[in-house]
Amino acid sequence: MKKTVIGTNLAHEEVEMDVFQLSLRVSVYGILIEENNVLLTKQLGGLDLPGGGLKIGETFEECLEREYWEETGIKVKMDQLIDCKMNFFQYEDEKPYQAVLIYVSCKKISGELSMEYLDQWEKDHGGGMPEWVPLDSLADAIFIHSVDSRPMIRKAEKML
């Protein structure tokens, strides 16, 4: 008997997925808030928190530092755990994933906003210059991730 789960695709449409085809993906996302603004990245026609997939042998801290640097040009240090979520998603026609998403607040160490260090996938999928988005305009922002980042940003804001 085939076991399935329901997840979402990039268009936020429900997709039925065979559990035996799922790959596990652990990712870390950093929330950097300064002067009532949060730093967000551009990709796939929307906005998202900087962060991404954990590589084998990498710590959560190393993953956050690497992904943040690649996507923003900013060096950060992990601060506090904000939340952890789990979902099922599928990129385009790719393999489906069971994702564990770890959200942390972070502190800026150095750097300037840049697109110079984007990897090829990010360049191919509309990666653009990261931007500071006012916290009071988050309701109007178009987030592309399968998990809505706004509640995690609000939690981080309350922990400041």
N, C-alpha and C. Protein backbone atom coordinates (compact mmCIF):
# COMPACT_ATOMS: atom_id res chain seq x y z
N MET A 1 0.83 -1.18 0.00
CA MET A 1 0.00 0.00 0.00
C MET A 1 0.88 1.25 0.00
N LYS A 2 0.58 2.19 -0.85
CA LYS A 2 1.35 3.42 -1.00
C LYS A 2 0.94 4.42 0.08
N LYS A 3 1.93 4.93 0.81
CA LYS A 3 1.67 5.95 1.83
C LYS A 3 2.03 7.31 1.26
N THR A 4 1.15 8.28 1.44
CA THR A 4 1.39 9.61 0.91
C THR A 4 1.17 10.67 1.98
N VAL A 5 1.72 11.85 1.71
CA VAL A 5 1.49 13.04 2.54
C VAL A 5 1.12 14.17 1.59
N ILE A 6 0.52 15.19 2.14
CA ILE A 6 0.17 16.37 1.35
C ILE A 6 1.16 17.48 1.69
N GLY A 7 1.76 18.05 0.67
CA GLY A 7 2.67 19.17 0.82
C GLY A 7 2.27 20.27 -0.13
N THR A 8 3.19 21.20 -0.37
CA THR A 8 2.90 22.30 -1.29
C THR A 8 4.03 22.46 -2.29
N ASN A 9 3.70 23.06 -3.43
CA ASN A 9 4.71 23.41 -4.43
C ASN A 9 4.99 24.91 -4.35
N LEU A 10 5.78 25.42 -5.28
CA LEU A 10 6.15 26.84 -5.25
C LEU A 10 4.97 27.78 -5.42
N ALA A 11 3.91 27.30 -6.04
CA ALA A 11 2.70 28.11 -6.22
C ALA A 11 1.77 28.00 -5.01
N HIS A 12 2.25 27.33 -3.96
CA HIS A 12 1.48 27.10 -2.73
C HIS A 12 0.23 26.25 -2.99
N GLU A 13 0.31 25.40 -4.03
CA GLU A 13 -0.77 24.47 -4.32
C GLU A 13 -0.47 23.15 -3.60
N GLU A 14 -1.52 22.47 -3.18
CA GLU A 14 -1.33 21.18 -2.52
C GLU A 14 -0.86 20.14 -3.53
N VAL A 15 0.09 19.31 -3.07
CA VAL A 15 0.67 18.26 -3.90
C VAL A 15 0.71 16.98 -3.06
N GLU A 16 0.25 15.88 -3.62
CA GLU A 16 0.34 14.59 -2.94
C GLU A 16 1.73 14.01 -3.20
N MET A 17 2.39 13.53 -2.14
CA MET A 17 3.76 13.03 -2.25
C MET A 17 3.87 11.63 -1.66
N ASP A 18 4.57 10.77 -2.37
CA ASP A 18 4.86 9.42 -1.90
C ASP A 18 5.95 9.53 -0.83
N VAL A 19 5.68 9.02 0.38
CA VAL A 19 6.66 9.17 1.47
C VAL A 19 7.97 8.46 1.17
N PHE A 20 7.94 7.44 0.32
CA PHE A 20 9.17 6.71 0.01
C PHE A 20 10.04 7.45 -1.01
N GLN A 21 9.52 8.54 -1.56
CA GLN A 21 10.28 9.38 -2.48
C GLN A 21 10.84 10.63 -1.80
N LEU A 22 10.44 10.87 -0.54
CA LEU A 22 10.86 12.08 0.16
C LEU A 22 12.35 12.06 0.50
N SER A 23 12.97 13.22 0.43
CA SER A 23 14.33 13.43 0.94
C SER A 23 14.21 14.36 2.13
N LEU A 24 15.04 14.13 3.14
CA LEU A 24 15.04 15.00 4.32
C LEU A 24 15.92 16.21 4.05
N ARG A 25 15.42 17.39 4.37
CA ARG A 25 16.19 18.62 4.20
C ARG A 25 16.09 19.43 5.48
N VAL A 26 17.24 19.65 6.12
CA VAL A 26 17.31 20.49 7.32
C VAL A 26 17.88 21.83 6.89
N SER A 27 17.24 22.90 7.30
CA SER A 27 17.72 24.23 6.90
C SER A 27 17.65 25.19 8.09
N VAL A 28 18.50 26.21 8.02
CA VAL A 28 18.59 27.22 9.08
C VAL A 28 18.38 28.59 8.45
N TYR A 29 17.52 29.39 9.07
CA TYR A 29 17.19 30.73 8.57
C TYR A 29 17.46 31.76 9.66
N GLY A 30 18.12 32.86 9.28
CA GLY A 30 18.49 33.88 10.24
C GLY A 30 17.63 35.12 10.15
N ILE A 31 17.24 35.63 11.31
CA ILE A 31 16.43 36.84 11.40
C ILE A 31 17.31 37.94 11.98
N LEU A 32 17.64 38.91 11.14
CA LEU A 32 18.46 40.05 11.54
C LEU A 32 17.58 41.29 11.51
N ILE A 33 17.36 41.87 12.70
CA ILE A 33 16.52 43.07 12.83
C ILE A 33 17.40 44.21 13.31
N GLU A 34 17.35 45.31 12.57
CA GLU A 34 18.06 46.54 12.94
C GLU A 34 17.17 47.73 12.65
N GLU A 35 17.06 48.63 13.60
CA GLU A 35 16.31 49.88 13.42
C GLU A 35 14.91 49.64 12.84
N ASN A 36 14.20 48.67 13.41
CA ASN A 36 12.82 48.34 13.01
C ASN A 36 12.69 47.85 11.57
N ASN A 37 13.77 47.27 11.03
CA ASN A 37 13.77 46.66 9.70
C ASN A 37 14.32 45.24 9.83
N VAL A 38 13.86 44.35 8.95
CA VAL A 38 14.38 42.99 8.90
C VAL A 38 15.03 42.79 7.54
N LEU A 39 16.17 42.09 7.52
CA LEU A 39 16.87 41.85 6.27
C LEU A 39 16.27 40.62 5.58
N LEU A 40 15.83 40.81 4.33
CA LEU A 40 15.23 39.73 3.54
C LEU A 40 15.95 39.60 2.20
N THR A 41 15.91 38.40 1.64
CA THR A 41 16.50 38.15 0.33
C THR A 41 15.39 38.05 -0.71
N LYS A 42 15.79 38.23 -1.97
CA LYS A 42 14.86 38.11 -3.09
C LYS A 42 15.17 36.82 -3.84
N GLN A 43 14.11 36.08 -4.17
CA GLN A 43 14.24 34.93 -5.05
C GLN A 43 12.85 34.44 -5.44
N LEU A 44 12.78 33.83 -6.60
CA LEU A 44 11.53 33.25 -7.10
C LEU A 44 10.38 34.25 -7.10
N GLY A 45 10.68 35.53 -7.32
CA GLY A 45 9.65 36.55 -7.41
C GLY A 45 9.09 37.03 -6.09
N GLY A 46 9.74 36.70 -5.00
CA GLY A 46 9.27 37.13 -3.69
C GLY A 46 10.42 37.34 -2.73
N LEU A 47 10.09 37.37 -1.46
CA LEU A 47 11.07 37.61 -0.40
C LEU A 47 11.17 36.40 0.52
N ASP A 48 12.29 36.27 1.19
CA ASP A 48 12.48 35.20 2.15
C ASP A 48 13.56 35.60 3.13
N LEU A 49 13.62 34.89 4.24
CA LEU A 49 14.71 35.09 5.18
C LEU A 49 15.99 34.48 4.60
N PRO A 50 17.13 35.10 4.83
CA PRO A 50 18.38 34.48 4.40
C PRO A 50 18.60 33.17 5.15
N GLY A 51 19.06 32.17 4.43
CA GLY A 51 19.33 30.88 5.05
C GLY A 51 19.20 29.78 4.02
N GLY A 52 19.39 28.55 4.47
CA GLY A 52 19.27 27.44 3.54
C GLY A 52 19.71 26.13 4.14
N GLY A 53 19.97 25.18 3.26
CA GLY A 53 20.19 23.80 3.64
C GLY A 53 21.51 23.52 4.35
N LEU A 54 21.41 22.69 5.37
CA LEU A 54 22.55 22.22 6.14
C LEU A 54 23.30 21.18 5.32
N LYS A 55 24.62 21.35 5.22
CA LYS A 55 25.46 20.37 4.52
C LYS A 55 25.93 19.32 5.52
N ILE A 56 26.17 18.11 5.04
CA ILE A 56 26.68 17.04 5.88
C ILE A 56 27.98 17.50 6.55
N GLY A 57 28.07 17.29 7.86
CA GLY A 57 29.26 17.68 8.62
C GLY A 57 29.26 19.11 9.09
N GLU A 58 28.24 19.87 8.74
CA GLU A 58 28.17 21.29 9.10
C GLU A 58 27.31 21.46 10.36
N THR A 59 27.71 22.38 11.24
CA THR A 59 26.88 22.70 12.40
C THR A 59 25.81 23.70 11.98
N PHE A 60 24.80 23.89 12.83
CA PHE A 60 23.76 24.89 12.55
C PHE A 60 24.40 26.27 12.39
N GLU A 61 25.35 26.58 13.27
CA GLU A 61 26.01 27.89 13.23
C GLU A 61 26.77 28.08 11.92
N GLU A 62 27.51 27.05 11.50
CA GLU A 62 28.26 27.14 10.24
C GLU A 62 27.32 27.30 9.05
N CYS A 63 26.21 26.58 9.07
CA CYS A 63 25.23 26.69 7.98
C CYS A 63 24.69 28.11 7.91
N LEU A 64 24.28 28.66 9.05
CA LEU A 64 23.74 30.02 9.07
C LEU A 64 24.77 31.02 8.55
N GLU A 65 25.99 30.93 9.06
CA GLU A 65 27.04 31.88 8.65
C GLU A 65 27.31 31.79 7.15
N ARG A 66 27.41 30.58 6.61
CA ARG A 66 27.68 30.38 5.18
C ARG A 66 26.52 30.90 4.33
N GLU A 67 25.32 30.48 4.64
CA GLU A 67 24.16 30.88 3.85
C GLU A 67 23.93 32.39 3.91
N TYR A 68 24.07 32.97 5.09
CA TYR A 68 23.86 34.41 5.23
C TYR A 68 24.87 35.19 4.39
N TRP A 69 26.12 34.75 4.44
CA TRP A 69 27.18 35.39 3.67
C TRP A 69 26.91 35.28 2.17
N GLU A 70 26.57 34.07 1.70
CA GLU A 70 26.30 33.86 0.28
C GLU A 70 25.14 34.73 -0.21
N GLU A 71 24.08 34.81 0.58
CA GLU A 71 22.86 35.46 0.12
C GLU A 71 22.81 36.96 0.37
N THR A 72 23.64 37.46 1.30
CA THR A 72 23.55 38.89 1.66
C THR A 72 24.87 39.65 1.65
N GLY A 73 26.00 38.96 1.75
CA GLY A 73 27.28 39.65 1.90
C GLY A 73 27.55 40.08 3.34
N ILE A 74 26.67 39.68 4.26
CA ILE A 74 26.79 40.06 5.67
C ILE A 74 27.27 38.86 6.49
N LYS A 75 28.26 39.10 7.35
CA LYS A 75 28.70 38.06 8.28
C LYS A 75 27.90 38.23 9.56
N VAL A 76 27.32 37.11 10.03
CA VAL A 76 26.49 37.14 11.23
C VAL A 76 26.93 36.08 12.22
N LYS A 77 26.43 36.22 13.44
CA LYS A 77 26.62 35.23 14.49
C LYS A 77 25.24 34.84 15.00
N MET A 78 25.02 33.54 15.17
CA MET A 78 23.74 33.05 15.69
C MET A 78 23.52 33.58 17.10
N ASP A 79 22.27 33.97 17.38
CA ASP A 79 21.92 34.49 18.70
C ASP A 79 21.02 33.49 19.43
N GLN A 80 19.70 33.55 19.17
CA GLN A 80 18.75 32.71 19.90
C GLN A 80 17.89 31.87 18.95
N LEU A 81 17.50 30.70 19.41
CA LEU A 81 16.53 29.89 18.68
C LEU A 81 15.18 30.58 18.79
N ILE A 82 14.53 30.79 17.65
CA ILE A 82 13.21 31.43 17.62
C ILE A 82 12.12 30.37 17.49
N ASP A 83 12.28 29.44 16.57
CA ASP A 83 11.25 28.43 16.34
C ASP A 83 11.80 27.33 15.43
N CYS A 84 11.09 26.24 15.38
CA CYS A 84 11.42 25.13 14.48
C CYS A 84 10.12 24.64 13.86
N LYS A 85 10.11 24.47 12.56
CA LYS A 85 8.91 24.04 11.83
C LYS A 85 9.26 22.83 10.97
N MET A 86 8.22 22.13 10.53
CA MET A 86 8.39 20.99 9.64
C MET A 86 7.30 21.07 8.58
N ASN A 87 7.68 20.78 7.33
CA ASN A 87 6.68 20.73 6.27
C ASN A 87 7.15 19.82 5.14
N PHE A 88 6.27 19.66 4.17
CA PHE A 88 6.56 18.89 2.97
C PHE A 88 6.44 19.83 1.78
N PHE A 89 7.44 19.84 0.90
CA PHE A 89 7.38 20.74 -0.25
C PHE A 89 8.06 20.12 -1.46
N GLN A 90 7.78 20.72 -2.60
CA GLN A 90 8.39 20.27 -3.86
C GLN A 90 8.73 21.49 -4.71
N TYR A 91 9.99 21.58 -5.14
CA TYR A 91 10.42 22.62 -6.07
C TYR A 91 10.14 22.16 -7.48
N GLU A 92 9.44 22.95 -8.26
CA GLU A 92 9.17 22.67 -9.67
C GLU A 92 8.89 21.19 -9.88
N ASP A 93 9.66 20.52 -10.76
CA ASP A 93 9.44 19.09 -11.00
C ASP A 93 10.46 18.23 -10.26
N GLU A 94 11.06 18.80 -9.24
CA GLU A 94 12.09 18.08 -8.51
C GLU A 94 11.50 17.12 -7.50
N LYS A 95 12.39 16.38 -6.88
CA LYS A 95 12.04 15.43 -5.84
C LYS A 95 11.36 16.14 -4.67
N PRO A 96 10.40 15.48 -4.01
CA PRO A 96 9.73 16.09 -2.86
C PRO A 96 10.60 15.99 -1.60
N TYR A 97 10.39 16.93 -0.69
CA TYR A 97 11.18 17.00 0.54
C TYR A 97 10.30 17.03 1.78
N GLN A 98 10.83 16.43 2.84
CA GLN A 98 10.33 16.66 4.18
C GLN A 98 11.35 17.60 4.79
N ALA A 99 10.91 18.80 5.13
CA ALA A 99 11.84 19.84 5.56
C ALA A 99 11.71 20.13 7.05
N VAL A 100 12.85 20.28 7.70
CA VAL A 100 12.93 20.77 9.07
C VAL A 100 13.55 22.15 8.95
N LEU A 101 12.81 23.18 9.38
CA LEU A 101 13.25 24.56 9.23
C LEU A 101 13.52 25.15 10.61
N ILE A 102 14.75 25.58 10.82
CA ILE A 102 15.17 26.13 12.10
C ILE A 102 15.34 27.64 11.93
N TYR A 103 14.64 28.40 12.76
CA TYR A 103 14.67 29.86 12.69
C TYR A 103 15.40 30.39 13.91
N VAL A 104 16.41 31.25 13.66
CA VAL A 104 17.20 31.82 14.74
C VAL A 104 17.34 33.33 14.53
N SER A 105 17.50 34.04 15.64
CA SER A 105 17.87 35.44 15.51
C SER A 105 19.38 35.49 15.36
N CYS A 106 19.88 36.56 14.77
CA CYS A 106 21.32 36.67 14.60
C CYS A 106 21.77 38.12 14.76
N LYS A 107 23.06 38.28 14.96
CA LYS A 107 23.68 39.59 15.12
C LYS A 107 24.66 39.82 13.98
N LYS A 108 24.67 41.04 13.47
CA LYS A 108 25.61 41.39 12.40
C LYS A 108 27.01 41.57 12.97
N ILE A 109 27.98 40.97 12.29
CA ILE A 109 29.39 41.14 12.67
C ILE A 109 30.05 42.14 11.73
N SER A 110 29.86 41.95 10.42
CA SER A 110 30.48 42.85 9.44
C SER A 110 29.87 42.62 8.07
N GLY A 111 30.30 43.43 7.11
CA GLY A 111 29.89 43.24 5.73
C GLY A 111 28.94 44.30 5.22
N GLU A 112 28.76 44.29 3.91
CA GLU A 112 27.85 45.20 3.21
C GLU A 112 26.95 44.37 2.31
N LEU A 113 25.73 44.83 2.09
CA LEU A 113 24.80 44.10 1.23
C LEU A 113 25.41 43.87 -0.14
N SER A 114 25.29 42.63 -0.62
CA SER A 114 25.91 42.26 -1.89
C SER A 114 25.19 41.06 -2.50
N MET A 115 25.28 40.95 -3.83
CA MET A 115 24.81 39.77 -4.55
C MET A 115 25.99 38.95 -5.06
N GLU A 116 27.18 39.39 -4.75
CA GLU A 116 28.40 38.80 -5.29
C GLU A 116 28.57 37.31 -4.97
N TYR A 117 28.05 36.87 -3.84
CA TYR A 117 28.33 35.51 -3.38
C TYR A 117 27.16 34.54 -3.59
N LEU A 118 26.12 34.96 -4.34
CA LEU A 118 24.99 34.07 -4.62
C LEU A 118 25.48 32.83 -5.36
N ASP A 119 24.94 31.66 -4.99
CA ASP A 119 25.32 30.45 -5.72
C ASP A 119 24.52 30.37 -7.02
N GLN A 120 24.84 29.39 -7.86
CA GLN A 120 24.22 29.31 -9.18
C GLN A 120 22.71 29.10 -9.11
N TRP A 121 22.24 28.27 -8.16
CA TRP A 121 20.79 28.05 -8.03
C TRP A 121 20.09 29.37 -7.73
N GLU A 122 20.66 30.15 -6.81
CA GLU A 122 20.05 31.43 -6.45
C GLU A 122 20.04 32.39 -7.63
N LYS A 123 21.12 32.41 -8.41
CA LYS A 123 21.16 33.27 -9.60
C LYS A 123 20.12 32.83 -10.63
N ASP A 124 19.98 31.52 -10.80
CA ASP A 124 19.03 30.98 -11.78
C ASP A 124 17.57 31.16 -11.36
N HIS A 125 17.33 31.39 -10.08
CA HIS A 125 15.96 31.50 -9.56
C HIS A 125 15.64 32.90 -9.05
N GLY A 126 16.19 33.89 -9.71
CA GLY A 126 15.80 35.27 -9.45
C GLY A 126 16.40 35.91 -8.22
N GLY A 127 17.51 35.37 -7.73
CA GLY A 127 18.16 35.98 -6.58
C GLY A 127 18.53 37.42 -6.88
N GLY A 128 18.22 38.30 -5.97
CA GLY A 128 18.50 39.72 -6.17
C GLY A 128 19.14 40.32 -4.95
N MET A 129 19.31 41.63 -4.99
CA MET A 129 19.93 42.34 -3.88
C MET A 129 19.05 42.22 -2.64
N PRO A 130 19.62 41.76 -1.52
CA PRO A 130 18.84 41.70 -0.29
C PRO A 130 18.39 43.11 0.10
N GLU A 131 17.32 43.18 0.86
CA GLU A 131 16.82 44.51 1.24
C GLU A 131 16.30 44.52 2.67
N TRP A 132 16.42 45.70 3.26
CA TRP A 132 15.87 45.94 4.59
C TRP A 132 14.40 46.29 4.42
N VAL A 133 13.54 45.52 5.05
CA VAL A 133 12.09 45.72 4.94
C VAL A 133 11.57 46.19 6.30
N PRO A 134 10.84 47.31 6.32
CA PRO A 134 10.29 47.80 7.59
C PRO A 134 9.37 46.76 8.22
N LEU A 135 9.51 46.56 9.52
CA LEU A 135 8.68 45.59 10.22
C LEU A 135 7.20 45.91 10.09
N ASP A 136 6.87 47.19 10.00
CA ASP A 136 5.46 47.56 9.91
C ASP A 136 4.87 47.36 8.51
N SER A 137 5.68 46.90 7.55
CA SER A 137 5.14 46.62 6.21
C SER A 137 5.19 45.13 5.86
N LEU A 138 5.45 44.28 6.85
CA LEU A 138 5.53 42.84 6.59
C LEU A 138 4.24 42.25 6.05
N ALA A 139 3.10 42.80 6.47
CA ALA A 139 1.81 42.27 6.00
C ALA A 139 1.68 42.38 4.48
N ASP A 140 2.33 43.37 3.89
CA ASP A 140 2.25 43.58 2.44
C ASP A 140 3.33 42.84 1.66
N ALA A 141 4.33 42.30 2.35
CA ALA A 141 5.44 41.63 1.68
C ALA A 141 4.99 40.28 1.12
N ILE A 142 5.51 39.91 -0.04
CA ILE A 142 5.19 38.63 -0.67
C ILE A 142 6.31 37.64 -0.33
N PHE A 143 6.01 36.71 0.57
CA PHE A 143 6.97 35.69 0.96
C PHE A 143 6.77 34.46 0.08
N ILE A 144 7.86 33.86 -0.38
CA ILE A 144 7.77 32.74 -1.31
C ILE A 144 7.94 31.38 -0.64
N HIS A 145 8.38 31.37 0.59
CA HIS A 145 8.68 30.11 1.27
C HIS A 145 7.40 29.36 1.58
N SER A 146 7.51 28.05 1.69
CA SER A 146 6.34 27.22 1.99
C SER A 146 5.86 27.39 3.43
N VAL A 147 6.69 27.95 4.29
CA VAL A 147 6.30 28.30 5.66
C VAL A 147 6.33 29.82 5.75
N ASP A 148 5.26 30.41 6.25
CA ASP A 148 5.18 31.87 6.37
C ASP A 148 6.19 32.34 7.42
N SER A 149 7.13 33.19 7.02
CA SER A 149 8.19 33.66 7.90
C SER A 149 7.74 34.77 8.86
N ARG A 150 6.63 35.39 8.58
CA ARG A 150 6.20 36.54 9.39
C ARG A 150 6.06 36.22 10.88
N PRO A 151 5.43 35.11 11.28
CA PRO A 151 5.33 34.83 12.71
C PRO A 151 6.69 34.67 13.39
N MET A 152 7.67 34.09 12.69
CA MET A 152 9.00 33.95 13.27
C MET A 152 9.68 35.31 13.42
N ILE A 153 9.47 36.19 12.43
CA ILE A 153 10.04 37.54 12.52
C ILE A 153 9.43 38.27 13.71
N ARG A 154 8.12 38.14 13.90
CA ARG A 154 7.44 38.79 15.03
C ARG A 154 7.95 38.25 16.36
N LYS A 155 8.18 36.93 16.44
CA LYS A 155 8.74 36.34 17.67
C LYS A 155 10.12 36.92 17.96
N ALA A 156 10.95 37.01 16.92
CA ALA A 156 12.30 37.56 17.09
C ALA A 156 12.23 39.01 17.53
N GLU A 157 11.30 39.76 16.97
CA GLU A 157 11.14 41.17 17.33
C GLU A 157 10.81 41.30 18.82
N LYS A 158 9.96 40.44 19.34
CA LYS A 158 9.57 40.49 20.75
C LYS A 158 10.72 40.10 21.68
N MET A 159 11.69 39.35 21.16
CA MET A 159 12.82 38.90 21.98
C MET A 159 13.96 39.91 22.02
N LEU A 160 13.84 40.99 21.26
CA LEU A 160 14.91 42.00 21.24
C LEU A 160 15.07 42.66 22.60
